[in-house]
Amino acid sequence: MDDERPIEAILDTIGDEKARDVLAAISEDPHSAKELGESLEMSLPTIYRRIELLEENDLIKSRTLVADDGNHYEVYESNFDSTVIRLEDDEYDVRIYRKENAPERFASLWDDLSG
């Protein structure tokens, strides 16, 4: 696995149908909890429970936006490009390939070239 999270926690999260629905809804564009609730026809408490679960496993990230009226709200977006689950020698190997922004990719490339 690519981080310190227990494999079981990530597999349980991915195994939750409503959590997968939230991930699918935000895979292309960020959405607020209210937007997710409306489009997925889920209650806000259900949406927030899944958001918390997904955040705990670092599968989504949030950003704060300011509405035209000055109020702040959170939007949620996927924090990975893909997940690969492989069974090898009777052990699960879970790899989560994270999205990187351009400055992070450049810094990583520079480190590789200078090292």
Protein backbone atom coordinates (compact mmCIF):
# COMPACT_ATOMS: atom_id res chain seq x y z
CA MET A 1 0.00 0.00 0.00
CA ASP A 2 1.26 3.52 -0.70
CA ASP A 3 0.57 4.96 2.75
CA GLU A 4 -0.04 3.96 6.35
CA ARG A 5 -3.80 3.44 6.18
CA PRO A 6 -4.95 -0.10 6.92
CA ILE A 7 -5.90 -2.00 3.79
CA GLU A 8 -9.17 -3.06 5.40
CA ALA A 9 -10.26 0.56 5.95
CA ILE A 10 -9.71 1.46 2.30
CA LEU A 11 -11.40 -1.72 1.07
CA ASP A 12 -14.36 -1.14 3.41
CA THR A 13 -14.66 2.43 2.13
CA ILE A 14 -14.52 1.38 -1.51
CA GLY A 15 -16.98 -1.41 -0.70
CA ASP A 16 -19.60 1.04 0.56
CA GLU A 17 -22.07 1.59 -2.29
CA LYS A 18 -23.05 5.10 -1.20
CA ALA A 19 -19.40 6.12 -0.82
CA ARG A 20 -18.77 4.85 -4.36
CA ASP A 21 -21.76 6.87 -5.57
CA VAL A 22 -20.27 10.01 -4.00
CA LEU A 23 -16.87 9.25 -5.57
CA ALA A 24 -18.46 8.74 -8.98
CA ALA A 25 -20.38 12.01 -8.70
CA ILE A 26 -17.25 14.03 -7.93
CA SER A 27 -14.90 12.18 -10.27
CA GLU A 28 -15.16 14.84 -12.99
CA ASP A 29 -16.22 18.02 -11.19
CA PRO A 30 -16.25 19.17 -7.56
CA HIS A 31 -19.64 19.32 -5.83
CA SER A 32 -20.96 20.67 -2.55
CA ALA A 33 -22.68 18.36 -0.07
CA LYS A 34 -26.01 19.95 -0.98
CA GLU A 35 -25.44 19.29 -4.70
CA LEU A 36 -24.42 15.70 -3.94
CA GLY A 37 -27.52 15.15 -1.82
CA GLU A 38 -29.79 16.45 -4.56
CA SER A 39 -28.17 14.62 -7.46
CA LEU A 40 -27.77 11.32 -5.58
CA GLU A 41 -31.10 11.60 -3.77
CA MET A 42 -29.45 11.05 -0.37
CA SER A 43 -30.02 12.93 2.85
CA LEU A 44 -27.38 15.44 3.94
CA PRO A 45 -26.47 13.35 7.04
CA THR A 46 -25.84 10.36 4.74
CA ILE A 47 -23.73 12.50 2.40
CA TYR A 48 -21.70 13.94 5.28
CA ARG A 49 -21.07 10.47 6.76
CA ARG A 50 -19.71 9.27 3.41
CA ILE A 51 -17.65 12.44 2.95
CA GLU A 52 -16.12 11.92 6.40
CA LEU A 53 -15.33 8.29 5.58
CA LEU A 54 -13.77 9.22 2.24
CA GLU A 55 -11.74 12.04 3.80
CA GLU A 56 -10.47 9.76 6.57
CA ASN A 57 -9.05 7.50 3.87
CA ASP A 58 -7.69 10.42 1.85
CA LEU A 59 -9.81 9.54 -1.17
CA ILE A 60 -11.33 13.02 -1.49
CA LYS A 61 -10.28 16.54 -0.64
CA SER A 62 -12.25 19.69 0.00
CA ARG A 63 -11.91 23.32 -0.94
CA THR A 64 -13.69 26.32 0.53
CA LEU A 65 -15.49 28.57 -1.93
CA VAL A 66 -17.21 31.89 -1.33
CA ALA A 67 -20.72 32.35 -2.69
CA ASP A 68 -21.89 35.59 -4.28
CA ASP A 69 -23.63 36.51 -1.01
CA GLY A 70 -20.36 36.13 0.94
CA ASN A 71 -21.19 32.79 2.58
CA HIS A 72 -18.53 30.08 2.59
CA TYR A 73 -19.15 26.48 1.59
CA GLU A 74 -17.10 23.36 0.89
CA VAL A 75 -16.84 21.52 -2.39
CA TYR A 76 -15.45 18.01 -2.62
CA GLU A 77 -13.33 16.43 -5.33
CA SER A 78 -11.62 13.13 -5.91
CA ASN A 79 -8.07 12.90 -4.59
CA PHE A 80 -6.85 10.07 -6.79
CA ASP A 81 -6.64 9.01 -10.41
CA SER A 82 -6.95 5.27 -9.88
CA THR A 83 -6.83 2.50 -7.33
CA VAL A 84 -5.33 -0.90 -8.01
CA ILE A 85 -6.07 -3.84 -5.74
CA ARG A 86 -3.90 -6.86 -6.32
CA LEU A 87 -3.76 -10.22 -4.54
CA GLU A 88 -0.25 -11.56 -4.49
CA ASP A 89 1.12 -14.39 -2.33
CA ASP A 90 -2.10 -14.44 -0.27
CA GLU A 91 -1.74 -10.74 0.59
CA TYR A 92 -3.59 -7.72 -0.73
CA ASP A 93 -1.61 -4.90 -2.22
CA VAL A 94 -3.56 -1.65 -2.58
CA ARG A 95 -2.05 1.17 -4.59
CA ILE A 96 -3.72 4.53 -4.82
CA TYR A 97 -2.39 6.74 -7.57
CA ARG A 98 -2.88 10.33 -6.43
CA LYS A 99 -3.59 13.34 -8.57
CA GLU A 100 -0.71 15.76 -8.64
CA ASN A 101 -0.91 19.38 -9.61
CA ALA A 102 1.62 20.89 -12.02
CA PRO A 103 3.94 22.45 -9.37
CA GLU A 104 4.12 19.13 -7.49
CA ARG A 105 4.94 17.25 -10.71
CA PHE A 106 7.66 19.77 -11.60
CA ALA A 107 9.20 19.58 -8.10
CA SER A 108 9.15 15.78 -8.26
CA LEU A 109 10.72 15.80 -11.73
CA TRP A 110 13.38 18.29 -10.60
CA ASP A 111 14.20 16.15 -7.57
CA ASP A 112 14.54 13.08 -9.80
CA LEU A 113 16.84 14.90 -12.22
CA SER A 114 19.05 16.41 -9.53
CA GLY A 115 19.29 13.20 -7.47
